[in-house]
């Protein structure tokens, strides 16, 4: 059962870590707010993600990922003008797909936030280290099921 969720503080630029993607996205760069990154007792990894267009426009969302065999995500809130507004219209978890909009989520699930083959969250220190360095241990690179 999913635990209660509290909205994080608005992300500060100094706390943003760019997510290095396997496949470059020409439209956006994605960053995760290290101050909001946390794994709940329910096993859900929650974080704020910032998608920035080449022209400078930003989309900010507060999301969660489950470290299941094929990954699942949920958007809790959308950010606008320095504040979060709770997402409405459904509490369902969505599968992490192969669409361009899921590129960053798939990378977070596959390489940075979850332990392959064990389907559990990494310790936060490992999540942050891997996000900062963009380095994924080679032995872990092939652990998830393909779509």
Protein backbone atom coordinates (compact mmCIF):
# COMPACT_ATOMS: atom_id res chain seq x y z
CA UNK A 1 0.00 0.00 0.00
CA UNK A 2 1.27 3.44 -0.89
CA UNK A 3 2.14 5.80 1.93
CA UNK A 4 1.11 9.41 2.40
CA UNK A 5 2.92 11.89 0.16
CA UNK A 6 4.02 15.40 1.06
CA UNK A 7 4.90 17.88 -1.66
CA UNK A 8 8.54 19.00 -1.69
CA UNK A 9 9.92 22.51 -1.71
CA UNK A 10 10.34 24.14 -5.11
CA UNK A 11 13.61 22.97 -6.72
CA UNK A 12 16.62 25.28 -6.58
CA UNK A 13 18.95 25.33 -9.58
CA UNK A 14 21.92 24.54 -7.32
CA UNK A 15 20.28 21.20 -6.41
CA UNK A 16 19.56 20.06 -9.98
CA UNK A 17 21.56 17.13 -11.36
CA UNK A 18 21.29 16.59 -15.10
CA UNK A 19 20.23 13.08 -16.07
CA UNK A 20 22.56 11.58 -18.66
CA UNK A 21 20.44 9.71 -21.16
CA UNK A 22 21.41 6.70 -23.27
CA UNK A 23 19.57 8.31 -26.15
CA UNK A 24 19.89 12.08 -26.39
CA UNK A 25 16.62 14.00 -26.47
CA UNK A 26 17.04 16.95 -28.80
CA UNK A 27 14.01 18.72 -27.36
CA UNK A 28 14.73 18.65 -23.63
CA UNK A 29 17.38 18.24 -21.00
CA UNK A 30 16.20 16.57 -17.82
CA UNK A 31 17.37 17.18 -14.27
CA UNK A 32 16.42 15.71 -10.93
CA UNK A 33 16.24 17.78 -7.75
CA UNK A 34 18.54 16.04 -5.28
CA UNK A 35 16.84 17.74 -2.34
CA UNK A 36 13.51 16.07 -3.18
CA UNK A 37 14.91 12.59 -3.92
CA UNK A 38 13.64 10.14 -1.30
CA UNK A 39 12.49 6.55 -1.00
CA UNK A 40 9.40 6.06 1.12
CA UNK A 41 8.75 3.17 3.47
CA UNK A 42 6.41 1.94 0.75
CA UNK A 43 9.41 1.47 -1.58
CA UNK A 44 8.42 4.27 -3.95
CA UNK A 45 11.26 6.54 -5.06
CA UNK A 46 9.94 10.11 -5.21
CA UNK A 47 11.65 13.10 -6.82
CA UNK A 48 11.12 16.38 -8.62
CA UNK A 49 12.12 16.34 -12.28
CA UNK A 50 12.74 19.41 -14.42
CA UNK A 51 12.48 19.14 -18.21
CA UNK A 52 14.03 22.18 -19.87
CA UNK A 53 13.51 23.03 -23.53
CA UNK A 54 16.37 24.47 -25.57
CA UNK A 55 14.56 27.83 -25.48
CA UNK A 56 14.55 27.85 -21.67
CA UNK A 57 10.94 26.87 -20.93
CA UNK A 58 10.64 24.45 -18.01
CA UNK A 59 8.21 21.71 -17.04
CA UNK A 60 8.41 20.71 -13.39
CA UNK A 61 6.72 17.63 -11.93
CA UNK A 62 6.86 15.75 -8.66
CA UNK A 63 6.77 12.02 -9.45
CA UNK A 64 7.29 8.56 -8.07
CA UNK A 65 8.78 5.39 -9.55
CA UNK A 66 8.23 1.81 -8.48
CA UNK A 67 11.16 -0.54 -9.01
CA UNK A 68 9.04 -3.31 -10.52
CA UNK A 69 10.26 -5.59 -13.35
CA UNK A 70 8.98 -3.23 -16.06
CA UNK A 71 8.81 -0.03 -14.03
CA UNK A 72 5.83 2.15 -13.16
CA UNK A 73 5.48 5.86 -12.46
CA UNK A 74 2.98 8.28 -11.07
CA UNK A 75 2.79 12.07 -11.25
CA UNK A 76 1.77 13.58 -7.92
CA UNK A 77 1.98 17.26 -8.79
CA UNK A 78 2.75 19.74 -11.53
CA UNK A 79 4.85 22.83 -10.89
CA UNK A 80 4.10 26.34 -12.06
CA UNK A 81 5.39 29.74 -10.97
CA UNK A 82 7.28 28.39 -7.98
CA UNK A 83 4.52 26.22 -6.52
CA UNK A 84 3.18 22.70 -6.96
CA UNK A 85 -0.43 21.86 -7.72
CA UNK A 86 -1.66 18.34 -7.04
CA UNK A 87 -2.33 16.29 -10.15
CA UNK A 88 -5.97 15.41 -10.70
CA UNK A 89 -7.76 12.87 -12.81
CA UNK A 90 -6.48 9.57 -11.56
CA UNK A 91 -4.38 7.87 -8.99
CA UNK A 92 -3.27 5.03 -11.22
CA UNK A 93 0.29 3.99 -11.71
CA UNK A 94 1.35 4.04 -15.36
CA UNK A 95 3.82 1.68 -17.05
CA UNK A 96 7.07 3.26 -18.12
CA UNK A 97 6.83 3.13 -21.88
CA UNK A 98 9.07 3.71 -24.83
CA UNK A 99 7.64 7.07 -25.88
CA UNK A 100 9.84 10.15 -25.99
CA UNK A 101 8.03 11.56 -22.94
CA UNK A 102 9.17 8.54 -20.90
CA UNK A 103 12.86 8.75 -21.87
CA UNK A 104 14.05 10.24 -18.58
CA UNK A 105 11.77 8.05 -16.45
CA UNK A 106 13.05 4.93 -18.16
CA UNK A 107 16.66 5.95 -17.54
CA UNK A 108 15.94 6.76 -13.89
CA UNK A 109 14.23 3.39 -13.39
CA UNK A 110 16.71 1.34 -15.38
CA UNK A 111 20.05 2.87 -14.42
CA UNK A 112 19.94 5.28 -11.53
CA UNK A 113 17.20 4.70 -8.96
CA UNK A 114 16.56 0.95 -8.94
CA UNK A 115 18.77 -2.11 -8.49
CA UNK A 116 18.49 -4.38 -11.56
CA UNK A 117 17.28 -7.94 -11.00
CA UNK A 118 16.42 -7.19 -7.38
CA UNK A 119 13.68 -4.70 -8.30
CA UNK A 120 14.24 -2.53 -5.27
CA UNK A 121 15.41 1.07 -4.80
CA UNK A 122 19.11 1.78 -4.50
CA UNK A 123 20.31 3.52 -1.34
CA UNK A 124 20.05 7.30 -1.78
CA UNK A 125 23.83 7.78 -1.63
CA UNK A 126 24.21 5.41 -4.61
CA UNK A 127 21.40 7.10 -6.51
CA UNK A 128 23.06 10.50 -6.08
CA UNK A 129 26.54 9.20 -6.90
CA UNK A 130 25.36 7.60 -10.09
CA UNK A 131 23.34 10.65 -11.12
CA UNK A 132 26.32 12.95 -10.50
CA UNK A 133 28.81 10.79 -12.36
CA UNK A 134 26.50 9.31 -14.98
CA UNK A 135 28.29 6.03 -14.38
CA UNK A 136 26.36 2.81 -14.15
CA UNK A 137 28.28 -0.29 -13.08
CA UNK A 138 28.68 -2.41 -16.24
CA UNK A 139 27.64 -5.58 -14.43
CA UNK A 140 24.25 -4.01 -13.70
CA UNK A 141 23.57 -2.65 -17.16
CA UNK A 142 21.61 -5.63 -18.45
CA UNK A 143 19.45 -6.57 -15.49
CA UNK A 144 15.99 -5.33 -16.47
CA UNK A 145 13.54 -7.02 -18.73
CA UNK A 146 13.18 -5.62 -22.21
CA UNK A 147 9.89 -4.19 -23.41
